């Protein structure tokens, strides 16, 4: 019964997600539908990196590398394993996402085990180097397209079910939303457990954590592996919805974007990571009409100024270490 009660909120959240997908299927145009998928992918990416950079207090700059491992592993597998027919193909994408996540987690373990004994800038340099190694390896691997990219990756397609069309967006949004909810609730429950307290102790004072019996290296490796798994899942979703992969899609800028989402939202805040992922994804597109008005593309200048102003006004991020529930409790206490 306890397990069923614990699954109640995730299950209700998934039902709400399906309703949103159905509404969006008819109410949104193709561009907004595509953007909403990328928002969910970036949410997964931000939450996964927040586990390492926010909750465990490390600094990874190679998150795009793990995303690339998951994306290319999932894409390659999808070209080798036949699809289930019709709407059942959604289960293939779940399988491919798991495989992509496992491959990325394996890469995270190989990188994390020797390098997480390092701290601060040294760890950032190691993870940055790993991300570039992965990109260069993919660039020179003909089996996955090399420099020209990986074409023809299978993805969700429209299906007519007796008059009702199960669209690519409906399947893609449900799939991405499912993994977004899984990422959120797994990390949320983890941080409420003794393992999560171990992560937080490493962030607050690693020496004190070791003195209290916490194996800090193992704690960092566990966080790194789980973070890599969900980054691989995000890569898998991206691969099957974009239907094309290029090593340039996983360059240093992609890792920087993920770090910006975590820092902007607040180091150690899930709510902040989600909101920042929406902002980082949507803001450049909202500024796109400005280019048509003035004839010059200054979107990134305005976007950068917004980020600078936000970090000046909110140096600890939009939420700091707080969640929406904490802010609601504070507001309720003031009202009473």
C-alpha atoms as a PDB file:
ATOM      1  CA  UNK A   1       0.000   0.000   0.000  1.00  0.00           C
ATOM      2  CA  UNK A   2       2.888   2.368   0.769  1.00  0.00           C
ATOM      3  CA  UNK A   3       4.328   1.788  -2.705  1.00  0.00           C
ATOM      4  CA  UNK A   4       0.943   2.459  -4.309  1.00  0.00           C
ATOM      5  CA  UNK A   5       0.574   5.716  -2.376  1.00  0.00           C
ATOM      6  CA  UNK A   6       4.058   6.751  -3.498  1.00  0.00           C
ATOM      7  CA  UNK A   7       3.061   6.169  -7.142  1.00  0.00           C
ATOM      8  CA  UNK A   8      -0.172   8.128  -6.839  1.00  0.00           C
ATOM      9  CA  UNK A   9       1.316  11.559  -7.600  1.00  0.00           C
ATOM     10  CA  UNK A  10       3.465  10.344 -10.553  1.00  0.00           C
ATOM     11  CA  UNK A  11       0.460   8.521 -12.028  1.00  0.00           C
ATOM     12  CA  UNK A  12      -1.816  11.560 -11.725  1.00  0.00           C
ATOM     13  CA  UNK A  13       0.935  13.734 -13.191  1.00  0.00           C
ATOM     14  CA  UNK A  14       1.189  11.405 -16.179  1.00  0.00           C
ATOM     15  CA  UNK A  15      -2.573  11.608 -16.742  1.00  0.00           C
ATOM     16  CA  UNK A  16      -2.347  15.415 -16.715  1.00  0.00           C
ATOM     17  CA  UNK A  17       0.504  15.155 -19.207  1.00  0.00           C
ATOM     18  CA  UNK A  18      -1.610  13.036 -21.560  1.00  0.00           C
ATOM     19  CA  UNK A  19      -4.428  15.607 -21.378  1.00  0.00           C
ATOM     20  CA  UNK A  20      -1.943  18.380 -22.221  1.00  0.00           C
ATOM     21  CA  UNK A  21      -0.652  16.296 -25.151  1.00  0.00           C
ATOM     22  CA  UNK A  22      -4.185  15.822 -26.521  1.00  0.00           C
ATOM     23  CA  UNK A  23      -4.951  19.538 -26.227  1.00  0.00           C
ATOM     24  CA  UNK A  24      -1.633  20.491 -27.813  1.00  0.00           C
ATOM     25  CA  UNK A  25      -2.232  18.041 -30.654  1.00  0.00           C
ATOM     26  CA  UNK A  26      -5.159  20.170 -31.871  1.00  0.00           C
ATOM     27  CA  UNK A  27      -4.428  23.634 -30.456  1.00  0.00           C
ATOM     28  CA  UNK A  28      -0.741  24.132 -31.289  1.00  0.00           C
ATOM     29  CA  UNK A  29       0.933  24.593 -34.644  1.00  0.00           C
ATOM     30  CA  UNK A  30       3.851  22.454 -35.783  1.00  0.00           C
ATOM     31  CA  UNK A  31       6.564  24.859 -34.638  1.00  0.00           C
ATOM     32  CA  UNK A  32       5.196  25.191 -31.093  1.00  0.00           C
ATOM     33  CA  UNK A  33       4.771  21.418 -30.902  1.00  0.00           C
ATOM     34  CA  UNK A  34       8.417  20.945 -31.868  1.00  0.00           C
ATOM     35  CA  UNK A  35       9.497  23.572 -29.343  1.00  0.00           C
ATOM     36  CA  UNK A  36       7.529  21.877 -26.557  1.00  0.00           C
ATOM     37  CA  UNK A  37       9.372  18.608 -27.218  1.00  0.00           C
ATOM     38  CA  UNK A  38      12.716  20.415 -26.947  1.00  0.00           C
ATOM     39  CA  UNK A  39      11.557  22.041 -23.709  1.00  0.00           C
ATOM     40  CA  UNK A  40      10.940  18.593 -22.200  1.00  0.00           C
ATOM     41  CA  UNK A  41      14.321  17.325 -23.442  1.00  0.00           C
ATOM     42  CA  UNK A  42      16.091  20.304 -21.855  1.00  0.00           C
ATOM     43  CA  UNK A  43      14.151  19.766 -18.636  1.00  0.00           C
ATOM     44  CA  UNK A  44      15.539  16.224 -18.423  1.00  0.00           C
ATOM     45  CA  UNK A  45      19.023  17.515 -19.239  1.00  0.00           C
ATOM     46  CA  UNK A  46      18.827  20.279 -16.606  1.00  0.00           C
ATOM     47  CA  UNK A  47      17.483  18.025 -13.848  1.00  0.00           C
ATOM     48  CA  UNK A  48      20.121  15.373 -14.530  1.00  0.00           C
ATOM     49  CA  UNK A  49      23.004  17.870 -14.406  1.00  0.00           C
ATOM     50  CA  UNK A  50      21.498  19.465 -11.292  1.00  0.00           C
ATOM     51  CA  UNK A  51      22.060  16.157  -9.507  1.00  0.00           C
ATOM     52  CA  UNK A  52      25.833  16.538  -9.989  1.00  0.00           C
ATOM     53  CA  UNK A  53      26.387  20.304 -10.061  1.00  0.00           C
ATOM     54  CA  UNK A  54      23.589  21.291  -7.697  1.00  0.00           C
ATOM     55  CA  UNK A  55      23.026  18.549  -5.146  1.00  0.00           C
ATOM     56  CA  UNK A  56      26.495  16.952  -5.040  1.00  0.00           C
ATOM     57  CA  UNK A  57      28.442  20.180  -5.455  1.00  0.00           C
ATOM     58  CA  UNK A  58      30.674  19.032  -8.325  1.00  0.00           C
ATOM     59  CA  UNK A  59      31.219  20.875 -11.600  1.00  0.00           C
ATOM     60  CA  UNK A  60      30.738  18.929 -14.813  1.00  0.00           C
ATOM     61  CA  UNK A  61      31.280  20.573 -18.183  1.00  0.00           C
ATOM     62  CA  UNK A  62      30.888  17.497 -20.367  1.00  0.00           C
ATOM     63  CA  UNK A  63      27.190  16.717 -20.080  1.00  0.00           C
ATOM     64  CA  UNK A  64      26.716  16.949 -23.836  1.00  0.00           C
ATOM     65  CA  UNK A  65      29.091  14.011 -24.199  1.00  0.00           C
ATOM     66  CA  UNK A  66      26.791  11.712 -22.220  1.00  0.00           C
ATOM     67  CA  UNK A  67      23.818  13.010 -24.164  1.00  0.00           C
ATOM     68  CA  UNK A  68      25.672  12.157 -27.374  1.00  0.00           C
ATOM     69  CA  UNK A  69      26.447   8.618 -26.184  1.00  0.00           C
ATOM     70  CA  UNK A  70      22.765   8.020 -25.435  1.00  0.00           C
ATOM     71  CA  UNK A  71      21.604   9.611 -28.686  1.00  0.00           C
ATOM     72  CA  UNK A  72      23.936   7.690 -30.979  1.00  0.00           C
ATOM     73  CA  UNK A  73      23.506   4.376 -29.112  1.00  0.00           C
ATOM     74  CA  UNK A  74      19.726   4.663 -29.312  1.00  0.00           C
ATOM     75  CA  UNK A  75      19.805   5.758 -32.956  1.00  0.00           C
ATOM     76  CA  UNK A  76      22.102   2.902 -33.991  1.00  0.00           C
ATOM     77  CA  UNK A  77      20.010   0.322 -32.132  1.00  0.00           C
ATOM     78  CA  UNK A  78      16.817   1.599 -33.764  1.00  0.00           C
ATOM     79  CA  UNK A  79      18.279   0.912 -37.206  1.00  0.00           C
ATOM     80  CA  UNK A  80      19.156  -2.671 -36.213  1.00  0.00           C
ATOM     81  CA  UNK A  81      16.070  -3.787 -34.250  1.00  0.00           C
ATOM     82  CA  UNK A  82      12.730  -3.832 -36.144  1.00  0.00           C
ATOM     83  CA  UNK A  83       9.886  -1.672 -34.912  1.00  0.00           C
ATOM     84  CA  UNK A  84       6.693  -2.991 -33.423  1.00  0.00           C
ATOM     85  CA  UNK A  85       3.863  -2.057 -35.773  1.00  0.00           C
ATOM     86  CA  UNK A  86       1.558   0.951 -35.518  1.00  0.00           C
ATOM     87  CA  UNK A  87       1.021   2.733 -32.211  1.00  0.00           C
ATOM     88  CA  UNK A  88       2.910  -0.038 -30.358  1.00  0.00           C
ATOM     89  CA  UNK A  89       6.118   1.537 -31.639  1.00  0.00           C
ATOM     90  CA  UNK A  90       6.086   3.802 -28.569  1.00  0.00           C
ATOM     91  CA  UNK A  91       7.376   0.805 -26.585  1.00  0.00           C
ATOM     92  CA  UNK A  92      10.365   0.613 -28.912  1.00  0.00           C
ATOM     93  CA  UNK A  93      11.256   4.189 -28.048  1.00  0.00           C
ATOM     94  CA  UNK A  94      11.031   3.381 -24.341  1.00  0.00           C
ATOM     95  CA  UNK A  95      13.429   0.479 -24.892  1.00  0.00           C
ATOM     96  CA  UNK A  96      15.808   2.592 -26.969  1.00  0.00           C
ATOM     97  CA  UNK A  97      15.793   5.305 -24.295  1.00  0.00           C
ATOM     98  CA  UNK A  98      16.690   2.762 -21.595  1.00  0.00           C
ATOM     99  CA  UNK A  99      19.518   1.350 -23.718  1.00  0.00           C
ATOM    100  CA  UNK A 100      20.795   4.845 -24.531  1.00  0.00           C
ATOM    101  CA  UNK A 101      20.663   5.735 -20.845  1.00  0.00           C
ATOM    102  CA  UNK A 102      22.552   2.579 -19.842  1.00  0.00           C
ATOM    103  CA  UNK A 103      25.271   3.237 -22.405  1.00  0.00           C
ATOM    104  CA  UNK A 104      25.615   6.829 -21.176  1.00  0.00           C
ATOM    105  CA  UNK A 105      25.679   5.610 -17.545  1.00  0.00           C
ATOM    106  CA  UNK A 106      28.469   3.195 -18.459  1.00  0.00           C
ATOM    107  CA  UNK A 107      30.423   6.056 -19.995  1.00  0.00           C
ATOM    108  CA  UNK A 108      29.738   8.123 -16.893  1.00  0.00           C
ATOM    109  CA  UNK A 109      31.094   5.356 -14.677  1.00  0.00           C
ATOM    110  CA  UNK A 110      34.268   5.027 -16.739  1.00  0.00           C
ATOM    111  CA  UNK A 111      34.853   8.764 -16.587  1.00  0.00           C
ATOM    112  CA  UNK A 112      33.659   9.309 -13.037  1.00  0.00           C
ATOM    113  CA  UNK A 113      35.538   6.546 -11.242  1.00  0.00           C
ATOM    114  CA  UNK A 114      39.041   7.960 -11.839  1.00  0.00           C
ATOM    115  CA  UNK A 115      38.178  11.649 -12.242  1.00  0.00           C
ATOM    116  CA  UNK A 116      35.788  12.288  -9.350  1.00  0.00           C
ATOM    117  CA  UNK A 117      38.672  12.169  -6.910  1.00  0.00           C
ATOM    118  CA  UNK A 118      39.391  15.593  -8.366  1.00  0.00           C
ATOM    119  CA  UNK A 119      37.565  18.753  -7.341  1.00  0.00           C
ATOM    120  CA  UNK A 120      36.489  22.092  -8.761  1.00  0.00           C
ATOM    121  CA  UNK A 121      38.270  23.354 -11.861  1.00  0.00           C
ATOM    122  CA  UNK A 122      40.212  20.110 -12.313  1.00  0.00           C
ATOM    123  CA  UNK A 123      37.014  18.075 -12.551  1.00  0.00           C
ATOM    124  CA  UNK A 124      35.523  20.621 -14.969  1.00  0.00           C
ATOM    125  CA  UNK A 125      38.554  20.295 -17.260  1.00  0.00           C
ATOM    126  CA  UNK A 126      38.403  16.477 -17.197  1.00  0.00           C
ATOM    127  CA  UNK A 127      34.681  16.363 -18.031  1.00  0.00           C
ATOM    128  CA  UNK A 128      35.157  19.017 -20.719  1.00  0.00           C
ATOM    129  CA  UNK A 129      37.901  16.896 -22.251  1.00  0.00           C
ATOM    130  CA  UNK A 130      35.673  13.824 -22.194  1.00  0.00           C
ATOM    131  CA  UNK A 131      32.880  15.654 -23.994  1.00  0.00           C
ATOM    132  CA  UNK A 132      35.277  16.746 -26.737  1.00  0.00           C
ATOM    133  CA  UNK A 133      36.724  13.226 -27.047  1.00  0.00           C
ATOM    134  CA  UNK A 134      33.252  11.795 -27.611  1.00  0.00           C
ATOM    135  CA  UNK A 135      32.462  14.450 -30.232  1.00  0.00           C
ATOM    136  CA  UNK A 136      35.710  13.805 -32.130  1.00  0.00           C
ATOM    137  CA  UNK A 137      35.226  10.023 -31.994  1.00  0.00           C
ATOM    138  CA  UNK A 138      31.722  10.371 -33.437  1.00  0.00           C
ATOM    139  CA  UNK A 139      33.070  12.764 -36.061  1.00  0.00           C
ATOM    140  CA  UNK A 140      35.443  10.051 -37.278  1.00  0.00           C
ATOM    141  CA  UNK A 141      33.205   6.967 -36.997  1.00  0.00           C
ATOM    142  CA  UNK A 142      31.681   6.042 -40.392  1.00  0.00           C
ATOM    143  CA  UNK A 143      29.320   3.503 -38.806  1.00  0.00           C
ATOM    144  CA  UNK A 144      27.261   6.355 -37.335  1.00  0.00           C
ATOM    145  CA  UNK A 145      27.638   8.777 -40.227  1.00  0.00           C
ATOM    146  CA  UNK A 146      30.866  10.514 -39.256  1.00  0.00           C
ATOM    147  CA  UNK A 147      31.082  14.186 -40.187  1.00  0.00           C
ATOM    148  CA  UNK A 148      28.028  14.051 -42.473  1.00  0.00           C
ATOM    149  CA  UNK A 149      25.804  12.974 -39.578  1.00  0.00           C
ATOM    150  CA  UNK A 150      23.489  10.051 -38.836  1.00  0.00           C
ATOM    151  CA  UNK A 151      20.539  10.086 -41.254  1.00  0.00           C
ATOM    152  CA  UNK A 152      17.323   8.086 -41.380  1.00  0.00           C
ATOM    153  CA  UNK A 153      16.775   7.590 -37.650  1.00  0.00           C
ATOM    154  CA  UNK A 154      13.294   6.090 -37.089  1.00  0.00           C
ATOM    155  CA  UNK A 155      10.871   8.207 -35.096  1.00  0.00           C
ATOM    156  CA  UNK A 156       7.183   8.407 -34.182  1.00  0.00           C
ATOM    157  CA  UNK A 157       4.815   8.592 -37.149  1.00  0.00           C
ATOM    158  CA  UNK A 158       1.122   9.418 -37.565  1.00  0.00           C
ATOM    159  CA  UNK A 159      -1.344   6.513 -37.289  1.00  0.00           C
ATOM    160  CA  UNK A 160      -5.036   6.548 -38.180  1.00  0.00           C
ATOM    161  CA  UNK A 161      -6.951   4.564 -35.556  1.00  0.00           C
ATOM    162  CA  UNK A 162     -10.405   4.390 -37.089  1.00  0.00           C
ATOM    163  CA  UNK A 163     -10.762   8.109 -37.681  1.00  0.00           C
ATOM    164  CA  UNK A 164      -8.617   9.294 -34.755  1.00  0.00           C
ATOM    165  CA  UNK A 165      -5.057  10.186 -35.737  1.00  0.00           C
ATOM    166  CA  UNK A 166      -2.389   9.226 -33.218  1.00  0.00           C
ATOM    167  CA  UNK A 167       0.060  11.900 -34.316  1.00  0.00           C
ATOM    168  CA  UNK A 168       3.825  12.116 -34.158  1.00  0.00           C
ATOM    169  CA  UNK A 169       3.502  14.980 -31.679  1.00  0.00           C
ATOM    170  CA  UNK A 170       1.117  13.082 -29.416  1.00  0.00           C
ATOM    171  CA  UNK A 171       3.470  10.105 -29.221  1.00  0.00           C
ATOM    172  CA  UNK A 172       6.605  12.231 -28.974  1.00  0.00           C
ATOM    173  CA  UNK A 173       5.238  14.545 -26.279  1.00  0.00           C
ATOM    174  CA  UNK A 174       3.917  11.614 -24.241  1.00  0.00           C
ATOM    175  CA  UNK A 175       7.248   9.785 -24.529  1.00  0.00           C
ATOM    176  CA  UNK A 176       9.332  12.845 -23.617  1.00  0.00           C
ATOM    177  CA  UNK A 177       6.896  13.816 -20.861  1.00  0.00           C
ATOM    178  CA  UNK A 178       6.991  10.311 -19.400  1.00  0.00           C
ATOM    179  CA  UNK A 179      10.776  10.435 -19.087  1.00  0.00           C
ATOM    180  CA  UNK A 180      10.629  13.971 -17.721  1.00  0.00           C
ATOM    181  CA  UNK A 181       8.332  12.770 -14.936  1.00  0.00           C
ATOM    182  CA  UNK A 182      10.523   9.705 -14.304  1.00  0.00           C
ATOM    183  CA  UNK A 183      13.609  11.922 -14.023  1.00  0.00           C
ATOM    184  CA  UNK A 184      11.885  14.316 -11.644  1.00  0.00           C
ATOM    185  CA  UNK A 185      10.402  11.723  -9.295  1.00  0.00           C
ATOM    186  CA  UNK A 186      13.485   9.481  -9.247  1.00  0.00           C
ATOM    187  CA  UNK A 187      15.759  12.390  -8.297  1.00  0.00           C
ATOM    188  CA  UNK A 188      13.175  13.789  -5.873  1.00  0.00           C
ATOM    189  CA  UNK A 189      12.783  10.453  -4.054  1.00  0.00           C
ATOM    190  CA  UNK A 190      16.538   9.892  -4.147  1.00  0.00           C
ATOM    191  CA  UNK A 191      17.230  13.219  -2.456  1.00  0.00           C
ATOM    192  CA  UNK A 192      14.761  12.310   0.292  1.00  0.00           C
ATOM    193  CA  UNK A 193      16.685   9.094   0.990  1.00  0.00           C
ATOM    194  CA  UNK A 194      19.917   8.450   2.907  1.00  0.00           C
ATOM    195  CA  UNK A 195      21.823   8.340  -0.403  1.00  0.00           C
ATOM    196  CA  UNK A 196      20.563  11.825  -1.216  1.00  0.00           C
ATOM    197  CA  UNK A 197      21.621  13.076   2.202  1.00  0.00           C
ATOM    198  CA  UNK A 198      25.047  11.675   1.421  1.00  0.00           C
ATOM    199  CA  UNK A 199      25.140  13.727  -1.803  1.00  0.00           C
ATOM    200  CA  UNK A 200      24.190  16.880   0.105  1.00  0.00           C
ATOM    201  CA  UNK A 201      26.831  16.238   2.750  1.00  0.00           C
ATOM    202  CA  UNK A 202      29.473  16.031   0.009  1.00  0.00           C
ATOM    203  CA  UNK A 203      28.288  19.381  -1.317  1.00  0.00           C
ATOM    204  CA  UNK A 204      28.288  21.123   2.057  1.00  0.00           C
ATOM    205  CA  UNK A 205      31.604  19.824   3.436  1.00  0.00           C
ATOM    206  CA  UNK A 206      33.415  16.878   1.898  1.00  0.00           C
ATOM    207  CA  UNK A 207      35.927  16.546   4.751  1.00  0.00           C
ATOM    208  CA  UNK A 208      33.178  16.511   7.378  1.00  0.00           C
ATOM    209  CA  UNK A 209      31.229  13.971   5.310  1.00  0.00           C
ATOM    210  CA  UNK A 210      34.253  11.654   5.223  1.00  0.00           C
ATOM    211  CA  UNK A 211      34.681  12.076   8.968  1.00  0.00           C
ATOM    212  CA  UNK A 212      31.078  10.950   9.444  1.00  0.00           C
ATOM    213  CA  UNK A 213      31.691   7.784   7.425  1.00  0.00           C
ATOM    214  CA  UNK A 214      30.380   8.848   4.012  1.00  0.00           C
ATOM    215  CA  UNK A 215      32.334   7.370   1.110  1.00  0.00           C
ATOM    216  CA  UNK A 216      32.500  10.640  -0.789  1.00  0.00           C
ATOM    217  CA  UNK A 217      34.080   9.206  -3.936  1.00  0.00           C
ATOM    218  CA  UNK A 218      31.393   6.530  -4.204  1.00  0.00           C
ATOM    219  CA  UNK A 219      28.660   9.098  -3.558  1.00  0.00           C
ATOM    220  CA  UNK A 220      29.993  11.300  -6.356  1.00  0.00           C
ATOM    221  CA  UNK A 221      30.288   8.342  -8.738  1.00  0.00           C
ATOM    222  CA  UNK A 222      26.684   7.263  -8.030  1.00  0.00           C
ATOM    223  CA  UNK A 223      25.414  10.777  -8.679  1.00  0.00           C
ATOM    224  CA  UNK A 224      27.522  11.018 -11.835  1.00  0.00           C
ATOM    225  CA  UNK A 225      26.284   7.678 -13.200  1.00  0.00           C
ATOM    226  CA  UNK A 226      22.609   8.459 -12.555  1.00  0.00           C
ATOM    227  CA  UNK A 227      23.041  11.929 -14.051  1.00  0.00           C
ATOM    228  CA  UNK A 228      24.672  10.387 -17.138  1.00  0.00           C
ATOM    229  CA  UNK A 229      21.827   7.882 -17.479  1.00  0.00           C
ATOM    230  CA  UNK A 230      19.186  10.592 -17.728  1.00  0.00           C
ATOM    231  CA  UNK A 231      21.394  12.667 -20.052  1.00  0.00           C
ATOM    232  CA  UNK A 232      21.523   9.595 -22.315  1.00  0.00           C
ATOM    233  CA  UNK A 233      17.731   9.325 -22.159  1.00  0.00           C
ATOM    234  CA  UNK A 234      17.444  12.983 -23.210  1.00  0.00           C
ATOM    235  CA  UNK A 235      19.789  12.237 -26.104  1.00  0.00           C
ATOM    236  CA  UNK A 236      17.663   9.271 -27.181  1.00  0.00           C
ATOM    237  CA  UNK A 237      14.491  11.360 -27.269  1.00  0.00           C
ATOM    238  CA  UNK A 238      16.292  14.069 -29.222  1.00  0.00           C
ATOM    239  CA  UNK A 239      17.591  11.535 -31.767  1.00  0.00           C
ATOM    240  CA  UNK A 240      14.215   9.968 -32.534  1.00  0.00           C
ATOM    241  CA  UNK A 241      12.317  13.223 -32.723  1.00  0.00           C
ATOM    242  CA  UNK A 242      14.894  15.085 -34.836  1.00  0.00           C
ATOM    243  CA  UNK A 243      15.531  11.985 -37.038  1.00  0.00           C
ATOM    244  CA  UNK A 244      19.079  13.240 -37.618  1.00  0.00           C
ATOM    245  CA  UNK A 245      22.211  13.510 -35.493  1.00  0.00           C
ATOM    246  CA  UNK A 246      25.378  15.491 -36.035  1.00  0.00           C
ATOM    247  CA  UNK A 247      28.444  15.646 -33.772  1.00  0.00           C
ATOM    248  CA  UNK A 248      28.037  19.431 -33.895  1.00  0.00           C
ATOM    249  CA  UNK A 249      24.749  19.030 -31.975  1.00  0.00           C
ATOM    250  CA  UNK A 250      26.747  17.927 -28.919  1.00  0.00           C
ATOM    251  CA  UNK A 251      29.522  20.490 -28.839  1.00  0.00           C
ATOM    252  CA  UNK A 252      30.787  22.532 -25.901  1.00  0.00           C
ATOM    253  CA  UNK A 253      27.916  25.015 -26.276  1.00  0.00           C
ATOM    254  CA  UNK A 254      25.375  22.276 -25.499  1.00  0.00           C
ATOM    255  CA  UNK A 255      27.173  21.541 -22.215  1.00  0.00           C
ATOM    256  CA  UNK A 256      27.314  25.260 -21.400  1.00  0.00           C
ATOM    257  CA  UNK A 257      23.565  25.571 -22.017  1.00  0.00           C
ATOM    258  CA  UNK A 258      22.945  22.760 -19.530  1.00  0.00           C
ATOM    259  CA  UNK A 259      25.156  24.468 -16.931  1.00  0.00           C
ATOM    260  CA  UNK A 260      23.337  27.784 -17.520  1.00  0.00           C
ATOM    261  CA  UNK A 261      20.000  26.068 -16.846  1.00  0.00           C
ATOM    262  CA  UNK A 262      21.256  24.728 -13.512  1.00  0.00           C
ATOM    263  CA  UNK A 263      22.925  27.969 -12.390  1.00  0.00           C
ATOM    264  CA  UNK A 264      20.089  30.203 -13.568  1.00  0.00           C
ATOM    265  CA  UNK A 265      17.423  28.081 -11.885  1.00  0.00           C
ATOM    266  CA  UNK A 266      19.400  27.711  -8.659  1.00  0.00           C
ATOM    267  CA  UNK A 267      22.016  25.141  -7.714  1.00  0.00           C
ATOM    268  CA  UNK A 268      20.097  22.358  -6.010  1.00  0.00           C
ATOM    269  CA  UNK A 269      16.567  23.381  -6.999  1.00  0.00           C
ATOM    270  CA  UNK A 270      14.501  21.073  -9.189  1.00  0.00           C
ATOM    271  CA  UNK A 271      11.834  23.736  -9.673  1.00  0.00           C
ATOM    272  CA  UNK A 272      14.499  26.213 -10.736  1.00  0.00           C
ATOM    273  CA  UNK A 273      16.036  23.761 -13.224  1.00  0.00           C
ATOM    274  CA  UNK A 274      12.635  23.163 -14.834  1.00  0.00           C
ATOM    275  CA  UNK A 275      11.818  26.869 -15.116  1.00  0.00           C
ATOM    276  CA  UNK A 276      15.287  27.711 -16.438  1.00  0.00           C
ATOM    277  CA  UNK A 277      15.003  24.957 -19.066  1.00  0.00           C
ATOM    278  CA  UNK A 278      11.790  26.561 -20.326  1.00  0.00           C
ATOM    279  CA  UNK A 279      13.402  30.009 -20.358  1.00  0.00           C
ATOM    280  CA  UNK A 280      16.606  28.929 -22.135  1.00  0.00           C
ATOM    281  CA  UNK A 281      14.650  27.016 -24.798  1.00  0.00           C
ATOM    282  CA  UNK A 282      11.860  29.484 -25.461  1.00  0.00           C
ATOM    283  CA  UNK A 283      13.578  32.867 -25.055  1.00  0.00           C
ATOM    284  CA  UNK A 284      15.635  32.823 -28.304  1.00  0.00           C
ATOM    285  CA  UNK A 285      12.520  31.827 -30.267  1.00  0.00           C
ATOM    286  CA  UNK A 286      10.395  34.573 -28.726  1.00  0.00           C
ATOM    287  CA  UNK A 287      12.989  37.076 -29.890  1.00  0.00           C
ATOM    288  CA  UNK A 288      13.053  35.716 -33.455  1.00  0.00           C
ATOM    289  CA  UNK A 289      10.367  38.152 -34.823  1.00  0.00           C
ATOM    290  CA  UNK A 290      12.644  41.017 -33.743  1.00  0.00           C
ATOM    291  CA  UNK A 291      15.062  40.048 -36.497  1.00  0.00           C
ATOM    292  CA  UNK A 292      12.363  40.534 -39.115  1.00  0.00           C
ATOM    293  CA  UNK A 293      11.546  43.996 -37.749  1.00  0.00           C
ATOM    294  CA  UNK A 294      15.055  45.481 -37.558  1.00  0.00           C
ATOM    295  CA  UNK A 295      16.718  43.308 -40.203  1.00  0.00           C
ATOM    296  CA  UNK A 296      19.601  42.257 -37.926  1.00  0.00           C
ATOM    297  CA  UNK A 297      19.796  39.166 -35.745  1.00  0.00           C
ATOM    298  CA  UNK A 298      20.545  40.492 -32.254  1.00  0.00           C
ATOM    299  CA  UNK A 299      18.651  37.743 -30.444  1.00  0.00           C
ATOM    300  CA  UNK A 300      21.708  36.341 -28.686  1.00  0.00           C
ATOM    301  CA  UNK A 301      22.787  39.822 -27.528  1.00  0.00           C
ATOM    302  CA  UNK A 302      19.410  40.452 -25.874  1.00  0.00           C
ATOM    303  CA  UNK A 303      19.304  36.875 -24.586  1.00  0.00           C
ATOM    304  CA  UNK A 304      22.763  37.300 -23.026  1.00  0.00           C
ATOM    305  CA  UNK A 305      21.790  40.629 -21.455  1.00  0.00           C
ATOM    306  CA  UNK A 306      18.728  38.981 -19.902  1.00  0.00           C
ATOM    307  CA  UNK A 307      20.973  36.303 -18.382  1.00  0.00           C
ATOM    308  CA  UNK A 308      23.431  38.897 -17.037  1.00  0.00           C
ATOM    309  CA  UNK A 309      20.656  40.970 -15.455  1.00  0.00           C
ATOM    310  CA  UNK A 310      19.034  37.902 -13.913  1.00  0.00           C
ATOM    311  CA  UNK A 311      22.309  36.749 -12.383  1.00  0.00           C
ATOM    312  CA  UNK A 312      23.007  40.255 -11.025  1.00  0.00           C
ATOM    313  CA  UNK A 313      19.559  40.494  -9.440  1.00  0.00           C
ATOM    314  CA  UNK A 314      19.428  36.829  -8.402  1.00  0.00           C
ATOM    315  CA  UNK A 315      23.053  35.695  -7.882  1.00  0.00           C
ATOM    316  CA  UNK A 316      21.893  32.400  -6.343  1.00  0.00           C
ATOM    317  CA  UNK A 317      19.540  31.706  -9.237  1.00  0.00           C
ATOM    318  CA  UNK A 318      15.809  32.141  -9.571  1.00  0.00           C
ATOM    319  CA  UNK A 319      15.014  29.741  -6.709  1.00  0.00           C
ATOM    320  CA  UNK A 320      18.335  29.394  -4.884  1.00  0.00           C
ATOM    321  CA  UNK A 321      18.137  26.039  -3.118  1.00  0.00           C
ATOM    322  CA  UNK A 322      14.370  26.315  -2.621  1.00  0.00           C
ATOM    323  CA  UNK A 323      11.496  24.552  -4.361  1.00  0.00           C
ATOM    324  CA  UNK A 324       8.032  25.810  -5.262  1.00  0.00           C
ATOM    325  CA  UNK A 325       6.647  24.061  -2.185  1.00  0.00           C
ATOM    326  CA  UNK A 326       9.075  25.998   0.040  1.00  0.00           C
ATOM    327  CA  UNK A 327       8.035  29.296  -1.525  1.00  0.00           C
ATOM    328  CA  UNK A 328       4.371  28.379  -1.085  1.00  0.00           C
ATOM    329  CA  UNK A 329       4.934  27.601   2.607  1.00  0.00           C
ATOM    330  CA  UNK A 330       6.670  30.953   3.098  1.00  0.00           C
ATOM    331  CA  UNK A 331       3.835  32.788   1.328  1.00  0.00           C
ATOM    332  CA  UNK A 332       1.245  30.938   3.421  1.00  0.00           C
ATOM    333  CA  UNK A 333       3.137  31.756   6.641  1.00  0.00           C
ATOM    334  CA  UNK A 334       3.159  35.457   5.731  1.00  0.00           C
ATOM    335  CA  UNK A 335      -0.574  35.420   4.979  1.00  0.00           C
ATOM    336  CA  UNK A 336      -1.331  33.873   8.344  1.00  0.00           C
END
